[in-house]
Structures are given as C-alpha cells and as structure tokens.
Protein backbone atom coordinates (compact mmCIF):
# COMPACT_ATOMS: atom_id res chain seq x y z
CA MET A 1 160.84 39.23 180.67
CA PHE A 2 163.62 41.75 180.05
CA GLU A 3 165.01 40.91 183.48
CA TRP A 4 164.99 37.22 182.57
CA ILE A 5 166.85 37.92 179.32
CA GLN A 6 169.45 39.99 181.17
CA THR A 7 169.96 37.07 183.59
CA PHE A 8 170.24 34.67 180.65
CA LEU A 9 173.00 36.78 179.08
CA VAL A 10 175.07 36.80 182.28
CA VAL A 11 174.57 33.09 182.89
CA TYR A 12 175.56 32.34 179.31
CA GLU A 13 178.71 34.41 179.69
CA THR A 14 179.73 32.92 183.07
CA GLN A 15 178.40 29.37 182.60
CA ASN A 16 177.75 29.43 186.34
CA PHE A 17 174.62 30.32 188.30
CA SER A 18 176.50 31.42 191.42
CA ILE A 19 178.88 33.74 189.59
CA ALA A 20 175.96 35.14 187.59
CA ALA A 21 174.09 35.80 190.86
CA GLU A 22 177.08 37.74 192.22
CA ARG A 23 177.32 39.89 189.10
CA LEU A 24 173.61 40.59 189.12
CA PHE A 25 173.47 41.21 192.89
CA ILE A 26 170.70 38.67 193.34
CA SER A 27 170.54 35.24 194.94
CA GLN A 28 171.46 32.04 193.13
CA PRO A 29 167.92 30.60 193.51
CA THR A 30 166.58 33.77 191.88
CA VAL A 31 168.92 33.22 188.92
CA SER A 32 167.75 29.61 188.59
CA SER A 33 164.12 30.68 188.84
CA GLN A 34 164.45 33.37 186.16
CA ILE A 35 166.19 31.02 183.74
CA LYS A 36 163.46 28.42 184.30
CA LYS A 37 160.74 31.02 183.68
CA LEU A 38 162.43 32.13 180.46
CA GLU A 39 162.74 28.53 179.26
CA ASP A 40 159.09 27.90 180.02
CA ARG A 41 158.02 31.08 178.23
CA LEU A 42 160.11 30.28 175.16
CA GLU A 43 159.45 26.54 175.38
CA ILE A 44 163.17 26.06 174.80
CA GLN A 45 165.82 24.51 176.99
CA LEU A 46 168.68 26.98 177.30
CA PHE A 47 171.11 25.18 179.62
CA LEU A 48 171.96 21.59 180.49
CA ARG A 49 172.41 21.18 184.24
CA ASN A 50 175.36 18.92 184.97
CA GLY A 51 175.33 19.11 188.71
CA LYS A 52 174.69 21.77 191.29
CA GLN A 53 176.68 24.57 189.66
CA LYS A 54 178.03 23.28 186.38
CA ILE A 55 175.91 24.12 183.32
CA THR A 56 176.33 23.90 179.55
CA ALA A 57 174.61 26.17 177.01
CA THR A 58 172.43 24.41 174.46
CA LYS A 59 172.61 25.07 170.71
CA GLU A 60 169.41 27.07 171.11
CA ALA A 61 171.14 29.26 173.70
CA ASP A 62 174.12 29.71 171.34
CA PHE A 63 171.69 30.88 168.67
CA LEU A 64 169.75 33.23 170.93
CA TYR A 65 172.65 34.83 172.81
CA PRO A 66 173.92 37.25 170.10
CA LYS A 67 170.38 38.19 169.17
CA PHE A 68 169.29 38.83 172.76
CA LEU A 69 172.52 40.76 173.33
CA ALA A 70 171.82 43.02 170.33
CA VAL A 71 168.23 43.59 171.47
CA MET A 72 169.26 44.53 175.00
CA ASN A 73 172.02 46.85 173.79
CA GLU A 74 169.56 48.58 171.49
CA LEU A 75 167.05 48.87 174.32
CA PHE A 76 169.52 50.44 176.74
CA THR A 77 170.80 52.81 174.05
CA SER A 78 167.25 53.90 173.21
CA VAL A 79 166.42 54.49 176.87
CA ALA A 80 169.57 56.60 177.27
CA GLN A 81 168.67 58.63 174.18
CA ALA A 82 165.11 59.10 175.42
CA ALA A 83 166.46 60.48 178.69
CA LYS A 84 168.54 63.05 176.80
CA LYS A 85 166.21 65.94 175.98
CA ASP A 86 168.46 67.28 173.21
CA ASN A 87 167.30 64.38 171.05
CA PHE A 88 163.76 65.78 171.02
CA LYS A 89 164.26 69.35 169.90
CA GLU A 90 161.39 71.13 168.18
CA ASN A 91 161.68 73.47 165.19
CA CYS A 92 160.57 77.08 164.96
CA VAL A 93 160.70 79.07 161.72
CA ILE A 94 160.67 82.85 162.11
CA ALA A 95 159.81 84.80 158.95
CA CYS A 96 160.90 88.44 158.97
CA SER A 97 160.56 91.46 156.75
CA HIS A 98 163.86 93.08 155.73
CA THR A 99 163.77 95.73 158.45
CA THR A 100 162.83 93.38 161.27
CA ALA A 101 165.32 90.75 160.12
CA ILE A 102 168.26 93.14 160.07
CA TYR A 103 167.50 95.62 162.85
CA LEU A 104 165.19 93.89 165.33
CA LEU A 105 165.56 90.13 165.61
CA PRO A 106 169.39 90.02 165.88
CA LYS A 107 169.19 92.22 168.99
CA VAL A 108 167.35 89.51 170.96
CA MET A 109 168.38 86.33 169.11
CA LYS A 110 171.21 85.42 171.49
CA SER A 111 168.86 85.55 174.48
CA LEU A 112 166.17 83.73 172.53
CA VAL A 113 168.29 80.65 171.79
CA GLU A 114 169.58 80.62 175.37
CA THR A 115 166.03 80.81 176.75
CA PHE A 116 164.76 78.00 174.49
CA PRO A 117 167.64 75.48 174.18
CA LEU A 118 165.29 72.70 173.05
CA ILE A 119 164.24 74.56 169.89
CA ASP A 120 166.11 74.69 166.59
CA PHE A 121 165.38 78.09 165.05
CA SER A 122 165.35 79.04 161.38
CA ILE A 123 165.13 82.63 160.12
CA ASN A 124 163.74 83.50 156.69
CA MET A 125 163.94 87.06 155.36
CA MET A 126 161.25 88.15 152.87
CA ASN A 127 158.92 91.05 152.25
CA SER A 128 155.93 91.72 154.52
CA ASN A 129 153.29 90.10 152.29
CA GLU A 130 155.38 86.96 151.99
CA VAL A 131 155.80 86.85 155.77
CA ALA A 132 152.04 86.89 156.29
CA LEU A 133 151.49 84.26 153.59
CA ALA A 134 154.20 82.00 155.05
CA VAL A 135 152.55 82.10 158.48
CA GLN A 136 149.07 81.56 157.01
CA ALA A 137 150.30 78.54 155.02
CA GLY A 138 152.12 77.04 158.01
CA HIS A 139 155.55 77.46 156.39
CA ALA A 140 156.58 79.77 159.23
CA ASP A 141 155.61 79.63 162.89
CA ILE A 142 156.12 83.29 163.79
CA GLY A 143 156.36 86.40 161.61
CA LEU A 144 157.67 89.92 162.10
CA LEU A 145 156.47 92.55 159.64
CA GLU A 146 155.74 96.26 159.36
CA LYS A 147 153.02 96.53 156.75
CA PRO A 148 149.37 96.82 157.84
CA LEU A 149 147.74 93.76 156.29
CA ALA A 150 144.34 92.12 156.58
CA THR A 151 145.26 89.00 158.53
CA ASN A 152 142.05 87.94 160.21
CA ASP A 153 142.96 84.25 160.16
CA ILE A 154 146.23 84.62 162.06
CA ARG A 155 147.16 86.12 165.40
CA LYS A 156 148.60 89.65 165.06
CA GLU A 157 149.77 92.17 167.66
CA ILE A 158 151.67 95.46 167.58
CA ILE A 159 155.05 95.19 169.30
CA LEU A 160 156.44 98.69 168.71
CA GLU A 161 156.15 101.90 166.71
CA ASP A 162 158.92 102.48 164.17
CA GLN A 163 159.83 106.06 163.28
CA LEU A 164 160.01 106.74 159.54
CA VAL A 165 162.40 109.30 158.04
CA LEU A 166 163.37 110.56 154.59
CA ALA A 167 166.95 109.42 154.04
CA GLY A 168 169.35 110.76 151.42
CA ASP A 169 170.07 114.07 149.70
CA ALA A 170 166.93 116.21 149.74
CA GLU A 171 167.84 117.57 146.29
CA ALA A 172 168.42 114.15 144.72
CA ALA A 173 166.54 113.63 141.46
CA HIS A 174 165.92 109.91 142.00
CA TRP A 175 163.62 108.20 144.45
CA LEU A 176 164.57 104.68 145.54
CA ILE A 177 161.61 102.29 145.71
CA ARG A 178 161.54 98.71 146.97
CA GLU A 179 159.87 95.79 145.19
CA GLU A 180 156.14 95.00 145.10
CA ASP A 181 154.63 93.92 148.43
CA SER A 182 157.48 95.45 150.41
CA GLY A 183 156.32 97.12 153.61
CA ILE A 184 158.53 100.19 153.11
CA ARG A 185 157.41 100.56 149.49
CA PHE A 186 153.85 100.90 150.73
CA PHE A 187 154.79 103.98 152.78
CA ASN A 188 156.91 105.51 150.03
CA GLU A 189 154.04 105.29 147.59
CA LEU A 190 151.66 106.83 150.13
CA TYR A 191 154.04 109.75 150.56
CA LEU A 192 154.51 110.31 146.81
CA ASN A 193 150.76 110.19 146.21
CA GLU A 194 149.99 112.46 149.15
CA PHE A 195 152.24 115.23 147.83
CA ASP A 196 151.67 114.48 144.13
CA LEU A 197 155.38 113.88 143.54
CA HIS A 198 156.65 112.32 140.30
CA PRO A 199 160.39 111.77 140.69
CA GLN A 200 162.58 109.49 138.62
CA ILE A 201 162.31 106.04 140.18
CA ILE A 202 165.05 103.46 140.79
CA TYR A 203 163.60 100.11 141.86
CA VAL A 204 165.64 98.09 144.36
CA ASN A 205 164.70 94.65 145.70
CA ASN A 206 166.98 94.66 148.72
CA ASN A 207 166.93 97.01 151.68
CA GLU A 208 170.66 96.93 152.36
CA LEU A 209 171.37 97.77 148.70
CA LEU A 210 168.93 100.67 148.91
CA LEU A 211 170.67 102.03 152.00
CA GLN A 212 174.09 101.66 150.42
CA LEU A 213 172.93 103.61 147.37
CA ILE A 214 171.80 106.39 149.69
CA ARG A 215 175.20 106.40 151.40
CA GLU A 216 176.82 106.77 147.99
CA GLY A 217 174.63 109.77 147.22
CA VAL A 218 172.27 107.99 144.84
CA GLY A 219 168.70 109.08 145.46
CA LYS A 220 166.52 109.29 148.52
CA SER A 221 163.81 107.17 150.11
CA ILE A 222 161.61 106.82 153.16
CA VAL A 223 163.21 104.26 155.46
CA SER A 224 163.03 103.05 159.03
CA SER A 225 164.96 105.18 161.51
CA LEU A 226 166.37 101.89 162.81
CA SER A 227 168.42 101.58 159.62
CA ILE A 228 169.96 105.07 159.75
CA THR A 229 173.71 105.22 160.41
CA GLU A 230 176.00 108.14 161.26
CA ASP A 231 177.19 108.51 157.66
CA MET A 232 173.67 109.03 156.28
CA LYS A 233 171.72 112.27 155.86
CA TRP A 234 168.08 112.23 156.86
CA GLN A 235 165.20 114.47 157.75
CA PRO A 236 161.89 113.94 159.57
CA LEU A 237 158.67 113.57 157.62
CA GLY A 238 156.80 116.24 159.52
CA ASN A 239 153.21 115.35 160.28
CA PHE A 240 153.01 112.74 157.53
CA LEU A 241 153.56 109.11 158.51
CA GLN A 242 156.00 109.78 161.28
CA LYS A 243 155.56 106.27 162.59
CA ARG A 244 154.43 102.86 161.50
CA ASP A 245 153.48 99.83 163.55
CA ILE A 246 155.62 96.73 163.61
CA PHE A 247 153.68 93.51 164.14
CA ILE A 248 154.30 90.01 165.40
CA VAL A 249 152.09 87.33 163.85
CA ALA A 250 151.54 83.61 164.34
CA GLY A 251 149.18 80.91 163.14
CA HIS A 252 146.42 79.59 165.36
CA SER A 253 147.54 75.94 165.18
CA SER A 254 151.00 74.45 165.51
CA THR A 255 152.54 71.13 166.52
CA ASN A 256 155.27 73.02 168.38
CA SER A 257 154.25 72.92 172.04
CA LEU A 258 156.68 75.71 172.94
CA LEU A 259 155.50 78.11 170.22
CA PRO A 260 153.15 80.15 172.48
CA ASP A 261 156.03 80.69 174.91
CA VAL A 262 158.37 81.78 172.10
CA TYR A 263 155.72 84.15 170.73
CA ASP A 264 155.11 85.78 174.11
CA TRP A 265 158.83 85.99 174.86
CA LEU A 266 159.62 87.66 171.56
CA LYS A 267 156.76 90.11 171.91
CA GLN A 268 157.85 91.16 175.40
CA GLU A 269 161.58 91.31 174.70
CA LEU A 270 161.21 93.39 171.54
CA LYS A 271 158.86 95.78 173.30
CA THR A 272 161.33 96.15 176.16
CA PHE A 273 164.42 96.52 174.02
CA PHE A 274 162.93 99.07 171.68
CA HIS A 275 161.10 101.24 174.12
CA GLU A 276 160.13 104.52 172.48
CA LYS A 277 162.35 106.54 174.79
CA GLU A 278 165.40 104.45 173.91
CA ILE A 279 164.75 104.80 170.17
CA LYS A 280 164.43 108.59 170.40
CA GLN A 281 167.56 108.82 172.51
CA ARG A 282 169.53 106.70 170.04
CA LYS A 283 168.42 108.81 167.08
CA GLY A 284 169.20 112.04 168.89
CA GLU A 285 172.74 110.90 169.56
CA ASN A 286 173.59 109.33 166.21
CA ASN A 287 171.86 111.23 163.44
CA GLU A 288 172.56 114.36 161.42
CA ILE A 289 169.41 116.19 160.34
CA PHE A 290 169.52 118.40 157.27
CA ASP A 291 167.11 120.94 155.80
C-alpha cells in the first residue's frame, strides 16, 4: 500500500498518469492499476478521468494529499534514522574508586571510546564500598575498586596488583586518613593497628587533597605507588602490605548487550598496560626513597 500512496502523490502533483509513470520509472498501466487499487482499498475516488491522459483530483484527494505526504516523509525519515547506528547508542556507567579513577581508567579511556563508538560512557568517582553498592544496585554497569569486599552477588576479578608505599615525611607527627569505606583507609588502619601506632590523625575525604597535603609537608599516609610523583618523598612498607589487589566488578544482568565485551576489554587492557614489570620500572625511574 505504501507503493500505491507514493504513486498517488506523484500523480496528484503531475495531474498526468504518463508523466507520473516517467518519474516513477514504471509503466503507465502500472500507475493506473495502483491508483485503482488504492481507490478500491480506501473506497474513495481520488481522480476524475477526463480522457486518456487528462485527470482531475477530487476533493477527497485534495484532503488526503498533505496527510499522505506528511506520513511518507515521516516514514522515510524514520527509515533513514534507523539505518544510522549512532541513533541507537547504549549507555555504560563505570564507577571507580579514587585511585582507579585518577590513575588507571584515564590511561585506557581514549582507546575504550574508540573501540566502542556505539556506547555513551559515564564515569562516577566514589569510594570502594560505594562502587560495589552501585554495581549491586544496577546504578553502575562496571566498577573498579581496590578494597577486598564480600561481593558474592556480582562478578569480581583481580586485574592487577598495586604496590603500596608510605608517602610523606617519616618524622611527621600527623597521619592522613581517608573517609569511612575508603579502600586506602582500610590499609592505613591495618598498618596502624599492626604496629600499635597512635599518631595525630587528620581526616581527608579526597585523595588528591591528601596527596597535596603530603607534597606541602603535612603528614604522611599509605598510598598507591601509582599516585607518587617526583616531588614526593616515600618509602616502602617492608614485608607489611606491600601490595593490594585491584578488582573489576560487574553485575550479572544488564540490558546493555555490549557490556560483556566492554568488561573483557577493560580487564585485558588494564592488565596489559600495568604489567608488574612496567610499574616497577616506572617507580625505579621516578621516585626518591628516604630512610
């Protein structure tokens, strides 16, 4: 029937079956047949035949023409949009702990968006507990975190081992501690408890602020070696907590059909980029160790 309507529009515009046939690249009898079929289907006379070629549109045709024209234009526009894959992008929310958001994900994000052009990505930075909860609740599709958590109801895999160091002046009186549920706070508290240390505490709810305080000579703290810069003092932790695992997590159900591919890509790329040998080499070249 769409073909009949298209023929009707051209006939209406030309008021001539032969000219309409030429424009449609079909025969004149085919044009006549399609118009007759449309009239029979609608039970409406669309044209008055005044001879072999001369025709006149009826009032019903005058009424239907703009409406059929709008319908056909909308149809062709919709088909064109459906053929353009960019109109059907999926969303993927990546929740990251502070360390993974600043020092891991940006390293592979450019390649990620190039590899998955039909996905609109969002990145949310939060502490490790919040990352796990966001994935469990379906508010995030993929999570990156560094705190060992009981996450039996979501998929979790280790992607790399992160070296931990004690950053700052070894003689500093203050110890910088992150907020509750922070992954790095967990390891700081383990260290303080292990050695029965009771320093003056400064609580900081942002990792970049904590690092800047250390650069300014305010306190010390256990941090990821990934965050150490040339202008910071640091020392190894000895046999205590030299490394921690960094995890990638995802929910078991998602409407995003590309999510498994994104998950596997991220896991592999982060493992490759942060190979243990490369991390050690980077730290050996860029860091100043003090007693």
